[in-house]
Amino acid sequence: MASEEVRPDERRLHTRRSLRGASHLQFASHPAVETRTVDVSASGLGIIAPINPSTGMACNIRFLLPVEPERNVTISATALVTHSVFTQAERGFKVGLMFTDLSPQTLGLLMRYVNR
């Protein structure tokens, strides 16, 4: 196994919750790409992207997380691509991201969202 690959047992281990909205994915030295969120957990995010990133690539992801009925918080996080598979139904690549360096505050917001 190449060192940049993410093993299947390293994929999200936490409960997921649906999260539909706009997001922005950025790889080093490249402009951000608009993506759509699918679901989120305390350890990662599922998105639909117009590009097919390689497994193990490091990236930054930015998305809105609803914290109250009328208030959203922008989450910016670093992550690794765990998988990327084309899906005709979504007209793009279903990409799994595993967060790599969340602040305790961001982790708390994600856990509250997923568990409510």
PDB file of N, CA and C in Angstrom:
ATOM      1  N   MET A   1       0.849  -1.178   0.000  1.00  0.00           N
ATOM      2  CA  MET A   1       0.000   0.000   0.000  1.00  0.00           C
ATOM      3  C   MET A   1       0.893   1.239   0.000  1.00  0.00           C
ATOM      4  N   ALA A   2       0.612   2.185  -0.884  1.00  0.00           N
ATOM      5  CA  ALA A   2       1.380   3.423  -0.945  1.00  0.00           C
ATOM      6  C   ALA A   2       1.143   4.238   0.318  1.00  0.00           C
ATOM      7  N   SER A   3       2.137   4.999   0.712  1.00  0.00           N
ATOM      8  CA  SER A   3       2.036   5.744   1.972  1.00  0.00           C
ATOM      9  C   SER A   3       0.925   6.787   1.949  1.00  0.00           C
ATOM     10  N   GLU A   4       0.529   7.280   0.759  1.00  0.00           N
ATOM     11  CA  GLU A   4      -0.489   8.315   0.716  1.00  0.00           C
ATOM     12  C   GLU A   4      -1.912   7.745   0.712  1.00  0.00           C
ATOM     13  N   GLU A   5      -2.054   6.421   0.617  1.00  0.00           N
ATOM     14  CA  GLU A   5      -3.384   5.834   0.613  1.00  0.00           C
ATOM     15  C   GLU A   5      -3.989   5.870   2.014  1.00  0.00           C
ATOM     16  N   VAL A   6      -5.290   5.987   2.057  1.00  0.00           N
ATOM     17  CA  VAL A   6      -6.013   5.972   3.325  1.00  0.00           C
ATOM     18  C   VAL A   6      -6.693   4.612   3.423  1.00  0.00           C
ATOM     19  N   ARG A   7      -6.361   3.863   4.450  1.00  0.00           N
ATOM     20  CA  ARG A   7      -6.927   2.525   4.623  1.00  0.00           C
ATOM     21  C   ARG A   7      -8.419   2.634   4.929  1.00  0.00           C
ATOM     22  N   PRO A   8      -9.219   1.657   4.487  1.00  0.00           N
ATOM     23  CA  PRO A   8     -10.667   1.691   4.745  1.00  0.00           C
ATOM     24  C   PRO A   8     -11.010   1.818   6.225  1.00  0.00           C
ATOM     25  N   ASP A   9     -10.202   1.226   7.126  1.00  0.00           N
ATOM     26  CA  ASP A   9     -10.514   1.310   8.544  1.00  0.00           C
ATOM     27  C   ASP A   9     -10.217   2.684   9.125  1.00  0.00           C
ATOM     28  N   GLU A  10      -9.672   3.582   8.309  1.00  0.00           N
ATOM     29  CA  GLU A  10      -9.420   4.949   8.745  1.00  0.00           C
ATOM     30  C   GLU A  10     -10.531   5.895   8.286  1.00  0.00           C
ATOM     31  N   ARG A  11     -11.528   5.353   7.625  1.00  0.00           N
ATOM     32  CA  ARG A  11     -12.657   6.185   7.216  1.00  0.00           C
ATOM     33  C   ARG A  11     -13.475   6.564   8.433  1.00  0.00           C
ATOM     34  N   ARG A  12     -14.463   7.403   8.222  1.00  0.00           N
ATOM     35  CA  ARG A  12     -15.261   7.919   9.333  1.00  0.00           C
ATOM     36  C   ARG A  12     -15.755   6.823  10.264  1.00  0.00           C
ATOM     37  N   LEU A  13     -15.560   7.036  11.546  1.00  0.00           N
ATOM     38  CA  LEU A  13     -15.978   6.081  12.561  1.00  0.00           C
ATOM     39  C   LEU A  13     -17.166   6.596  13.347  1.00  0.00           C
ATOM     40  N   HIS A  14     -17.590   7.814  13.069  1.00  0.00           N
ATOM     41  CA  HIS A  14     -18.646   8.453  13.849  1.00  0.00           C
ATOM     42  C   HIS A  14     -19.968   8.486  13.078  1.00  0.00           C
ATOM     43  N   THR A  15     -21.046   8.687  13.819  1.00  0.00           N
ATOM     44  CA  THR A  15     -22.381   8.804  13.235  1.00  0.00           C
ATOM     45  C   THR A  15     -22.415   9.963  12.243  1.00  0.00           C
ATOM     46  N   ARG A  16     -23.080   9.745  11.124  1.00  0.00           N
ATOM     47  CA  ARG A  16     -23.217  10.781  10.094  1.00  0.00           C
ATOM     48  C   ARG A  16     -24.609  11.400  10.177  1.00  0.00           C
ATOM     49  N   ARG A  17     -24.675  12.646   9.722  1.00  0.00           N
ATOM     50  CA  ARG A  17     -25.970  13.320   9.597  1.00  0.00           C
ATOM     51  C   ARG A  17     -25.986  14.053   8.260  1.00  0.00           C
ATOM     52  N   SER A  18     -27.118  14.032   7.616  1.00  0.00           N
ATOM     53  CA  SER A  18     -27.268  14.715   6.337  1.00  0.00           C
ATOM     54  C   SER A  18     -26.950  16.199   6.486  1.00  0.00           C
ATOM     55  N   LEU A  19     -26.250  16.728   5.512  1.00  0.00           N
ATOM     56  CA  LEU A  19     -25.931  18.158   5.467  1.00  0.00           C
ATOM     57  C   LEU A  19     -25.856  18.544   3.996  1.00  0.00           C
ATOM     58  N   ARG A  20     -26.874  19.225   3.520  1.00  0.00           N
ATOM     59  CA  ARG A  20     -26.939  19.603   2.104  1.00  0.00           C
ATOM     60  C   ARG A  20     -26.695  21.097   1.964  1.00  0.00           C
ATOM     61  N   GLY A  21     -25.679  21.438   1.196  1.00  0.00           N
ATOM     62  CA  GLY A  21     -25.387  22.851   0.977  1.00  0.00           C
ATOM     63  C   GLY A  21     -24.120  23.018   0.160  1.00  0.00           C
ATOM     64  N   ALA A  22     -23.771  24.264  -0.082  1.00  0.00           N
ATOM     65  CA  ALA A  22     -22.563  24.586  -0.846  1.00  0.00           C
ATOM     66  C   ALA A  22     -21.327  24.432   0.028  1.00  0.00           C
ATOM     67  N   SER A  23     -20.239  24.065  -0.613  1.00  0.00           N
ATOM     68  CA  SER A  23     -18.948  23.981   0.062  1.00  0.00           C
ATOM     69  C   SER A  23     -17.864  24.323  -0.949  1.00  0.00           C
ATOM     70  N   HIS A  24     -16.659  24.546  -0.437  1.00  0.00           N
ATOM     71  CA  HIS A  24     -15.531  24.886  -1.304  1.00  0.00           C
ATOM     72  C   HIS A  24     -14.339  24.028  -0.926  1.00  0.00           C
ATOM     73  N   LEU A  25     -13.810  23.315  -1.921  1.00  0.00           N
ATOM     74  CA  LEU A  25     -12.693  22.399  -1.746  1.00  0.00           C
ATOM     75  C   LEU A  25     -11.463  23.016  -2.399  1.00  0.00           C
ATOM     76  N   GLN A  26     -10.326  22.989  -1.684  1.00  0.00           N
ATOM     77  CA  GLN A  26      -9.113  23.569  -2.246  1.00  0.00           C
ATOM     78  C   GLN A  26      -7.918  22.676  -1.969  1.00  0.00           C
ATOM     79  N   PHE A  27      -7.149  22.437  -3.024  1.00  0.00           N
ATOM     80  CA  PHE A  27      -5.893  21.707  -2.917  1.00  0.00           C
ATOM     81  C   PHE A  27      -4.764  22.713  -3.034  1.00  0.00           C
ATOM     82  N   ALA A  28      -3.620  22.415  -2.465  1.00  0.00           N
ATOM     83  CA  ALA A  28      -2.474  23.335  -2.443  1.00  0.00           C
ATOM     84  C   ALA A  28      -2.208  23.926  -3.824  1.00  0.00           C
ATOM     85  N   SER A  29      -2.005  25.220  -3.861  1.00  0.00           N
ATOM     86  CA  SER A  29      -1.637  25.954  -5.077  1.00  0.00           C
ATOM     87  C   SER A  29      -2.681  25.905  -6.182  1.00  0.00           C
ATOM     88  N   HIS A  30      -3.911  25.542  -5.867  1.00  0.00           N
ATOM     89  CA  HIS A  30      -4.979  25.517  -6.854  1.00  0.00           C
ATOM     90  C   HIS A  30      -6.140  26.368  -6.353  1.00  0.00           C
ATOM     91  N   PRO A  31      -6.904  26.959  -7.263  1.00  0.00           N
ATOM     92  CA  PRO A  31      -8.081  27.716  -6.818  1.00  0.00           C
ATOM     93  C   PRO A  31      -9.130  26.786  -6.217  1.00  0.00           C
ATOM     94  N   ALA A  32      -9.952  27.328  -5.358  1.00  0.00           N
ATOM     95  CA  ALA A  32     -11.028  26.550  -4.728  1.00  0.00           C
ATOM     96  C   ALA A  32     -12.040  26.116  -5.785  1.00  0.00           C
ATOM     97  N   VAL A  33     -12.620  24.940  -5.578  1.00  0.00           N
ATOM     98  CA  VAL A  33     -13.633  24.371  -6.457  1.00  0.00           C
ATOM     99  C   VAL A  33     -14.938  24.310  -5.670  1.00  0.00           C
ATOM    100  N   GLU A  34     -16.032  24.756  -6.287  1.00  0.00           N
ATOM    101  CA  GLU A  34     -17.324  24.678  -5.612  1.00  0.00           C
ATOM    102  C   GLU A  34     -17.793  23.234  -5.591  1.00  0.00           C
ATOM    103  N   THR A  35     -18.222  22.791  -4.422  1.00  0.00           N
ATOM    104  CA  THR A  35     -18.709  21.437  -4.225  1.00  0.00           C
ATOM    105  C   THR A  35     -20.020  21.501  -3.443  1.00  0.00           C
ATOM    106  N   ARG A  36     -20.636  20.338  -3.219  1.00  0.00           N
ATOM    107  CA  ARG A  36     -21.871  20.269  -2.428  1.00  0.00           C
ATOM    108  C   ARG A  36     -21.687  19.269  -1.301  1.00  0.00           C
ATOM    109  N   THR A  37     -22.112  19.634  -0.118  1.00  0.00           N
ATOM    110  CA  THR A  37     -22.030  18.700   0.995  1.00  0.00           C
ATOM    111  C   THR A  37     -23.171  17.685   0.911  1.00  0.00           C
ATOM    112  N   VAL A  38     -22.907  16.480   1.420  1.00  0.00           N
ATOM    113  CA  VAL A  38     -23.886  15.398   1.446  1.00  0.00           C
ATOM    114  C   VAL A  38     -24.186  15.023   2.893  1.00  0.00           C
ATOM    115  N   ASP A  39     -23.126  14.745   3.645  1.00  0.00           N
ATOM    116  CA  ASP A  39     -23.286  14.400   5.051  1.00  0.00           C
ATOM    117  C   ASP A  39     -22.017  14.749   5.819  1.00  0.00           C
ATOM    118  N   VAL A  40     -22.155  14.769   7.155  1.00  0.00           N
ATOM    119  CA  VAL A  40     -21.041  15.176   8.009  1.00  0.00           C
ATOM    120  C   VAL A  40     -21.031  14.316   9.262  1.00  0.00           C
ATOM    121  N   SER A  41     -19.857  14.148   9.829  1.00  0.00           N
ATOM    122  CA  SER A  41     -19.698  13.497  11.126  1.00  0.00           C
ATOM    123  C   SER A  41     -18.613  14.262  11.874  1.00  0.00           C
ATOM    124  N   ALA A  42     -18.310  13.832  13.079  1.00  0.00           N
ATOM    125  CA  ALA A  42     -17.247  14.482  13.846  1.00  0.00           C
ATOM    126  C   ALA A  42     -15.880  14.233  13.227  1.00  0.00           C
ATOM    127  N   SER A  43     -15.775  13.228  12.365  1.00  0.00           N
ATOM    128  CA  SER A  43     -14.473  12.906  11.791  1.00  0.00           C
ATOM    129  C   SER A  43     -14.344  13.158  10.297  1.00  0.00           C
ATOM    130  N   GLY A  44     -15.431  13.541   9.621  1.00  0.00           N
ATOM    131  CA  GLY A  44     -15.296  13.743   8.191  1.00  0.00           C
ATOM    132  C   GLY A  44     -16.532  14.302   7.526  1.00  0.00           C
ATOM    133  N   LEU A  45     -16.425  14.451   6.210  1.00  0.00           N
ATOM    134  CA  LEU A  45     -17.463  15.084   5.416  1.00  0.00           C
ATOM    135  C   LEU A  45     -17.586  14.348   4.093  1.00  0.00           C
ATOM    136  N   GLY A  46     -18.815  14.155   3.636  1.00  0.00           N
ATOM    137  CA  GLY A  46     -19.059  13.623   2.298  1.00  0.00           C
ATOM    138  C   GLY A  46     -19.482  14.770   1.400  1.00  0.00           C
ATOM    139  N   ILE A  47     -18.889  14.855   0.214  1.00  0.00           N
ATOM    140  CA  ILE A  47     -19.213  15.930  -0.723  1.00  0.00           C
ATOM    141  C   ILE A  47     -19.402  15.355  -2.130  1.00  0.00           C
ATOM    142  N   ILE A  48     -20.011  16.151  -2.985  1.00  0.00           N
ATOM    143  CA  ILE A  48     -20.071  15.881  -4.420  1.00  0.00           C
ATOM    144  C   ILE A  48     -19.215  16.950  -5.090  1.00  0.00           C
ATOM    145  N   ALA A  49     -18.241  16.505  -5.887  1.00  0.00           N
ATOM    146  CA  ALA A  49     -17.292  17.423  -6.520  1.00  0.00           C
ATOM    147  C   ALA A  49     -17.267  17.224  -8.032  1.00  0.00           C
ATOM    148  N   PRO A  50     -16.927  18.288  -8.781  1.00  0.00           N
ATOM    149  CA  PRO A  50     -16.826  18.159 -10.234  1.00  0.00           C
ATOM    150  C   PRO A  50     -15.482  17.567 -10.679  1.00  0.00           C
ATOM    151  N   ILE A  51     -14.590  17.328  -9.729  1.00  0.00           N
ATOM    152  CA  ILE A  51     -13.257  16.792 -10.022  1.00  0.00           C
ATOM    153  C   ILE A  51     -13.078  15.460  -9.289  1.00  0.00           C
ATOM    154  N   ASN A  52     -12.087  14.690  -9.703  1.00  0.00           N
ATOM    155  CA  ASN A  52     -11.807  13.380  -9.118  1.00  0.00           C
ATOM    156  C   ASN A  52     -10.455  13.423  -8.409  1.00  0.00           C
ATOM    157  N   PRO A  53     -10.433  13.819  -7.128  1.00  0.00           N
ATOM    158  CA  PRO A  53      -9.151  13.886  -6.422  1.00  0.00           C
ATOM    159  C   PRO A  53      -8.633  12.496  -6.063  1.00  0.00           C
ATOM    160  N   SER A  54      -7.335  12.376  -5.981  1.00  0.00           N
ATOM    161  CA  SER A  54      -6.711  11.107  -5.627  1.00  0.00           C
ATOM    162  C   SER A  54      -6.826  10.833  -4.136  1.00  0.00           C
ATOM    163  N   THR A  55      -7.001   9.574  -3.796  1.00  0.00           N
ATOM    164  CA  THR A  55      -7.023   9.162  -2.403  1.00  0.00           C
ATOM    165  C   THR A  55      -5.724   9.576  -1.722  1.00  0.00           C
ATOM    166  N   GLY A  56      -5.854  10.106  -0.523  1.00  0.00           N
ATOM    167  CA  GLY A  56      -4.692  10.524   0.250  1.00  0.00           C
ATOM    168  C   GLY A  56      -4.291  11.974   0.069  1.00  0.00           C
ATOM    169  N   MET A  57      -4.902  12.669  -0.897  1.00  0.00           N
ATOM    170  CA  MET A  57      -4.560  14.076  -1.111  1.00  0.00           C
ATOM    171  C   MET A  57      -5.024  14.927   0.066  1.00  0.00           C
ATOM    172  N   ALA A  58      -4.172  15.838   0.487  1.00  0.00           N
ATOM    173  CA  ALA A  58      -4.526  16.794   1.540  1.00  0.00           C
ATOM    174  C   ALA A  58      -5.263  17.965   0.905  1.00  0.00           C
ATOM    175  N   CYS A  59      -6.230  18.502   1.629  1.00  0.00           N
ATOM    176  CA  CYS A  59      -7.016  19.609   1.098  1.00  0.00           C
ATOM    177  C   CYS A  59      -7.552  20.463   2.240  1.00  0.00           C
ATOM    178  N   ASN A  60      -8.155  21.563   1.858  1.00  0.00           N
ATOM    179  CA  ASN A  60      -8.913  22.402   2.777  1.00  0.00           C
ATOM    180  C   ASN A  60     -10.352  22.388   2.301  1.00  0.00           C
ATOM    181  N   ILE A  61     -11.265  22.344   3.245  1.00  0.00           N
ATOM    182  CA  ILE A  61     -12.684  22.352   2.924  1.00  0.00           C
ATOM    183  C   ILE A  61     -13.366  23.433   3.755  1.00  0.00           C
ATOM    184  N   ARG A  62     -14.292  24.139   3.139  1.00  0.00           N
ATOM    185  CA  ARG A  62     -15.049  25.188   3.835  1.00  0.00           C
ATOM    186  C   ARG A  62     -16.531  24.974   3.554  1.00  0.00           C
ATOM    187  N   PHE A  63     -17.344  24.990   4.621  1.00  0.00           N
ATOM    188  CA  PHE A  63     -18.782  24.768   4.472  1.00  0.00           C
ATOM    189  C   PHE A  63     -19.528  25.424   5.626  1.00  0.00           C
ATOM    190  N   LEU A  64     -20.830  25.589   5.444  1.00  0.00           N
ATOM    191  CA  LEU A  64     -21.669  26.168   6.488  1.00  0.00           C
ATOM    192  C   LEU A  64     -22.315  25.061   7.305  1.00  0.00           C
ATOM    193  N   LEU A  65     -22.289  25.249   8.624  1.00  0.00           N
ATOM    194  CA  LEU A  65     -22.910  24.304   9.542  1.00  0.00           C
ATOM    195  C   LEU A  65     -24.004  25.028  10.307  1.00  0.00           C
ATOM    196  N   PRO A  66     -25.251  24.549  10.218  1.00  0.00           N
ATOM    197  CA  PRO A  66     -26.324  25.193  10.990  1.00  0.00           C
ATOM    198  C   PRO A  66     -26.153  24.889  12.476  1.00  0.00           C
ATOM    199  N   VAL A  67     -26.111  25.938  13.292  1.00  0.00           N
ATOM    200  CA  VAL A  67     -25.967  25.747  14.736  1.00  0.00           C
ATOM    201  C   VAL A  67     -27.226  26.138  15.492  1.00  0.00           C
ATOM    202  N   GLU A  68     -28.068  26.905  14.857  1.00  0.00           N
ATOM    203  CA  GLU A  68     -29.371  27.298  15.392  1.00  0.00           C
ATOM    204  C   GLU A  68     -30.307  27.386  14.198  1.00  0.00           C
ATOM    205  N   PRO A  69     -31.614  27.438  14.421  1.00  0.00           N
ATOM    206  CA  PRO A  69     -32.537  27.486  13.274  1.00  0.00           C
ATOM    207  C   PRO A  69     -32.232  28.597  12.269  1.00  0.00           C
ATOM    208  N   GLU A  70     -31.777  29.721  12.726  1.00  0.00           N
ATOM    209  CA  GLU A  70     -31.539  30.845  11.814  1.00  0.00           C
ATOM    210  C   GLU A  70     -30.079  31.292  11.774  1.00  0.00           C
ATOM    211  N   ARG A  71     -29.150  30.433  12.225  1.00  0.00           N
ATOM    212  CA  ARG A  71     -27.741  30.846  12.266  1.00  0.00           C
ATOM    213  C   ARG A  71     -26.826  29.714  11.807  1.00  0.00           C
ATOM    214  N   ASN A  72     -25.913  30.065  10.906  1.00  0.00           N
ATOM    215  CA  ASN A  72     -24.906  29.130  10.417  1.00  0.00           C
ATOM    216  C   ASN A  72     -23.528  29.595  10.831  1.00  0.00           C
ATOM    217  N   VAL A  73     -22.605  28.642  10.958  1.00  0.00           N
ATOM    218  CA  VAL A  73     -21.211  28.933  11.247  1.00  0.00           C
ATOM    219  C   VAL A  73     -20.383  28.390  10.092  1.00  0.00           C
ATOM    220  N   THR A  74     -19.408  29.167   9.624  1.00  0.00           N
ATOM    221  CA  THR A  74     -18.510  28.682   8.585  1.00  0.00           C
ATOM    222  C   THR A  74     -17.445  27.803   9.219  1.00  0.00           C
ATOM    223  N   ILE A  75     -17.345  26.585   8.731  1.00  0.00           N
ATOM    224  CA  ILE A  75     -16.323  25.642   9.185  1.00  0.00           C
ATOM    225  C   ILE A  75     -15.240  25.582   8.114  1.00  0.00           C
ATOM    226  N   SER A  76     -14.003  25.794   8.517  1.00  0.00           N
ATOM    227  CA  SER A  76     -12.851  25.611   7.636  1.00  0.00           C
ATOM    228  C   SER A  76     -11.976  24.545   8.263  1.00  0.00           C
ATOM    229  N   ALA A  77     -11.646  23.522   7.491  1.00  0.00           N
ATOM    230  CA  ALA A  77     -10.892  22.409   8.053  1.00  0.00           C
ATOM    231  C   ALA A  77      -9.907  21.848   7.039  1.00  0.00           C
ATOM    232  N   THR A  78      -8.861  21.236   7.547  1.00  0.00           N
ATOM    233  CA  THR A  78      -7.953  20.471   6.699  1.00  0.00           C
ATOM    234  C   THR A  78      -8.439  19.033   6.713  1.00  0.00           C
ATOM    235  N   ALA A  79      -8.222  18.330   5.609  1.00  0.00           N
ATOM    236  CA  ALA A  79      -8.730  16.969   5.487  1.00  0.00           C
ATOM    237  C   ALA A  79      -7.888  16.166   4.505  1.00  0.00           C
ATOM    238  N   LEU A  80      -8.112  14.861   4.522  1.00  0.00           N
ATOM    239  CA  LEU A  80      -7.524  13.946   3.544  1.00  0.00           C
ATOM    240  C   LEU A  80      -8.646  13.299   2.760  1.00  0.00           C
ATOM    241  N   VAL A  81      -8.426  13.102   1.466  1.00  0.00           N
ATOM    242  CA  VAL A  81      -9.390  12.396   0.625  1.00  0.00           C
ATOM    243  C   VAL A  81      -9.292  10.902   0.951  1.00  0.00           C
ATOM    244  N   THR A  82     -10.420  10.288   1.341  1.00  0.00           N
ATOM    245  CA  THR A  82     -10.426   8.854   1.634  1.00  0.00           C
ATOM    246  C   THR A  82     -10.901   8.029   0.453  1.00  0.00           C
ATOM    247  N   HIS A  83     -11.760   8.614  -0.380  1.00  0.00           N
ATOM    248  CA  HIS A  83     -12.226   7.927  -1.583  1.00  0.00           C
ATOM    249  C   HIS A  83     -12.888   8.936  -2.509  1.00  0.00           C
ATOM    250  N   SER A  84     -12.984   8.560  -3.779  1.00  0.00           N
ATOM    251  CA  SER A  84     -13.649   9.387  -4.778  1.00  0.00           C
ATOM    252  C   SER A  84     -14.201   8.461  -5.855  1.00  0.00           C
ATOM    253  N   VAL A  85     -15.526   8.469  -6.011  1.00  0.00           N
ATOM    254  CA  VAL A  85     -16.193   7.575  -6.952  1.00  0.00           C
ATOM    255  C   VAL A  85     -17.211   8.385  -7.753  1.00  0.00           C
ATOM    256  N   PHE A  86     -17.200   8.210  -9.083  1.00  0.00           N
ATOM    257  CA  PHE A  86     -18.167   8.919  -9.913  1.00  0.00           C
ATOM    258  C   PHE A  86     -19.568   8.381  -9.665  1.00  0.00           C
ATOM    259  N   THR A  87     -20.527   9.302  -9.574  1.00  0.00           N
ATOM    260  CA  THR A  87     -21.928   8.916  -9.432  1.00  0.00           C
ATOM    261  C   THR A  87     -22.751   9.684 -10.452  1.00  0.00           C
ATOM    262  N   GLN A  88     -23.352   8.950 -11.376  1.00  0.00           N
ATOM    263  CA  GLN A  88     -24.184   9.571 -12.415  1.00  0.00           C
ATOM    264  C   GLN A  88     -25.370  10.286 -11.793  1.00  0.00           C
ATOM    265  N   ALA A  89     -25.954   9.696 -10.747  1.00  0.00           N
ATOM    266  CA  ALA A  89     -27.134  10.282 -10.105  1.00  0.00           C
ATOM    267  C   ALA A  89     -26.859  11.690  -9.569  1.00  0.00           C
ATOM    268  N   GLU A  90     -25.647  11.908  -9.069  1.00  0.00           N
ATOM    269  CA  GLU A  90     -25.284  13.222  -8.516  1.00  0.00           C
ATOM    270  C   GLU A  90     -24.519  14.081  -9.520  1.00  0.00           C
ATOM    271  N   ARG A  91     -24.225  13.505 -10.684  1.00  0.00           N
ATOM    272  CA  ARG A  91     -23.488  14.216 -11.745  1.00  0.00           C
ATOM    273  C   ARG A  91     -22.155  14.765 -11.257  1.00  0.00           C
ATOM    274  N   GLY A  92     -21.411  13.907 -10.573  1.00  0.00           N
ATOM    275  CA  GLY A  92     -20.106  14.308 -10.077  1.00  0.00           C
ATOM    276  C   GLY A  92     -19.464  13.170  -9.312  1.00  0.00           C
ATOM    277  N   PHE A  93     -18.408  13.482  -8.587  1.00  0.00           N
ATOM    278  CA  PHE A  93     -17.677  12.496  -7.820  1.00  0.00           C
ATOM    279  C   PHE A  93     -18.081  12.589  -6.356  1.00  0.00           C
ATOM    280  N   LYS A  94     -18.464  11.454  -5.795  1.00  0.00           N
ATOM    281  CA  LYS A  94     -18.761  11.389  -4.370  1.00  0.00           C
ATOM    282  C   LYS A  94     -17.420  11.218  -3.662  1.00  0.00           C
ATOM    283  N   VAL A  95     -17.041  12.238  -2.900  1.00  0.00           N
ATOM    284  CA  VAL A  95     -15.720  12.288  -2.279  1.00  0.00           C
ATOM    285  C   VAL A  95     -15.877  12.208  -0.768  1.00  0.00           C
ATOM    286  N   GLY A  96     -15.112  11.317  -0.162  1.00  0.00           N
ATOM    287  CA  GLY A  96     -15.072  11.220   1.287  1.00  0.00           C
ATOM    288  C   GLY A  96     -13.854  11.957   1.809  1.00  0.00           C
ATOM    289  N   LEU A  97     -14.057  12.802   2.795  1.00  0.00           N
ATOM    290  CA  LEU A  97     -12.969  13.554   3.415  1.00  0.00           C
ATOM    291  C   LEU A  97     -12.878  13.202   4.894  1.00  0.00           C
ATOM    292  N   MET A  98     -11.669  13.010   5.378  1.00  0.00           N
ATOM    293  CA  MET A  98     -11.425  12.748   6.788  1.00  0.00           C
ATOM    294  C   MET A  98     -10.701  13.967   7.368  1.00  0.00           C
ATOM    295  N   PHE A  99     -11.334  14.614   8.363  1.00  0.00           N
ATOM    296  CA  PHE A  99     -10.715  15.782   8.980  1.00  0.00           C
ATOM    297  C   PHE A  99      -9.398  15.376   9.639  1.00  0.00           C
ATOM    298  N   THR A 100      -8.410  16.275   9.573  1.00  0.00           N
ATOM    299  CA  THR A 100      -7.095  15.952  10.137  1.00  0.00           C
ATOM    300  C   THR A 100      -6.683  16.838  11.293  1.00  0.00           C
ATOM    301  N   ASP A 101      -7.275  17.998  11.425  1.00  0.00           N
ATOM    302  CA  ASP A 101      -6.799  18.901  12.476  1.00  0.00           C
ATOM    303  C   ASP A 101      -7.908  19.855  12.885  1.00  0.00           C
ATOM    304  N   LEU A 102      -8.899  19.357  13.610  1.00  0.00           N
ATOM    305  CA  LEU A 102     -10.009  20.204  14.053  1.00  0.00           C
ATOM    306  C   LEU A 102      -9.701  20.814  15.415  1.00  0.00           C
ATOM    307  N   SER A 103     -10.104  22.057  15.578  1.00  0.00           N
ATOM    308  CA  SER A 103      -9.993  22.682  16.894  1.00  0.00           C
ATOM    309  C   SER A 103     -11.046  22.052  17.805  1.00  0.00           C
ATOM    310  N   PRO A 104     -10.834  22.098  19.118  1.00  0.00           N
ATOM    311  CA  PRO A 104     -11.845  21.571  20.040  1.00  0.00           C
ATOM    312  C   PRO A 104     -13.198  22.258  19.854  1.00  0.00           C
ATOM    313  N   GLN A 105     -13.183  23.552  19.553  1.00  0.00           N
ATOM    314  CA  GLN A 105     -14.431  24.293  19.343  1.00  0.00           C
ATOM    315  C   GLN A 105     -15.172  23.757  18.111  1.00  0.00           C
ATOM    316  N   THR A 106     -14.458  23.560  17.008  1.00  0.00           N
ATOM    317  CA  THR A 106     -15.077  23.047  15.784  1.00  0.00           C
ATOM    318  C   THR A 106     -15.591  21.626  15.999  1.00  0.00           C
ATOM    319  N   LEU A 107     -14.818  20.803  16.658  1.00  0.00           N
ATOM    320  CA  LEU A 107     -15.252  19.439  16.955  1.00  0.00           C
ATOM    321  C   LEU A 107     -16.538  19.453  17.779  1.00  0.00           C
ATOM    322  N   GLY A 108     -16.612  20.341  18.759  1.00  0.00           N
ATOM    323  CA  GLY A 108     -17.817  20.461  19.580  1.00  0.00           C
ATOM    324  C   GLY A 108     -19.031  20.860  18.760  1.00  0.00           C
ATOM    325  N   LEU A 109     -18.860  21.813  17.838  1.00  0.00           N
ATOM    326  CA  LEU A 109     -19.967  22.233  16.969  1.00  0.00           C
ATOM    327  C   LEU A 109     -20.453  21.074  16.105  1.00  0.00           C
ATOM    328  N   LEU A 110     -19.510  20.332  15.526  1.00  0.00           N
ATOM    329  CA  LEU A 110     -19.875  19.196  14.680  1.00  0.00           C
ATOM    330  C   LEU A 110     -20.610  18.128  15.486  1.00  0.00           C
ATOM    331  N   MET A 111     -20.114  17.824  16.673  1.00  0.00           N
ATOM    332  CA  MET A 111     -20.748  16.792  17.494  1.00  0.00           C
ATOM    333  C   MET A 111     -22.160  17.204  17.914  1.00  0.00           C
ATOM    334  N   ARG A 112     -22.344  18.473  18.250  1.00  0.00           N
ATOM    335  CA  ARG A 112     -23.682  18.951  18.605  1.00  0.00           C
ATOM    336  C   ARG A 112     -24.635  18.840  17.421  1.00  0.00           C
ATOM    337  N   TYR A 113     -24.150  19.200  16.222  1.00  0.00           N
ATOM    338  CA  TYR A 113     -24.989  19.124  15.030  1.00  0.00           C
ATOM    339  C   TYR A 113     -25.402  17.664  14.754  1.00  0.00           C
ATOM    340  N   VAL A 114     -24.449  16.778  14.769  1.00  0.00           N
ATOM    341  CA  VAL A 114     -24.712  15.377  14.424  1.00  0.00           C
ATOM    342  C   VAL A 114     -25.625  14.718  15.458  1.00  0.00           C
ATOM    343  N   ASN A 115     -25.488  15.075  16.707  1.00  0.00           N
ATOM    344  CA  ASN A 115     -26.226  14.401  17.781  1.00  0.00           C
ATOM    345  C   ASN A 115     -27.570  15.023  18.129  1.00  0.00           C
ATOM    346  N   ARG A 116     -27.967  16.094  17.452  1.00  0.00           N
ATOM    347  CA  ARG A 116     -29.292  16.658  17.793  1.00  0.00           C
ATOM    348  C   ARG A 116     -30.393  16.033  17.000  1.00  0.00           C
TER     349      ARG A 116
END
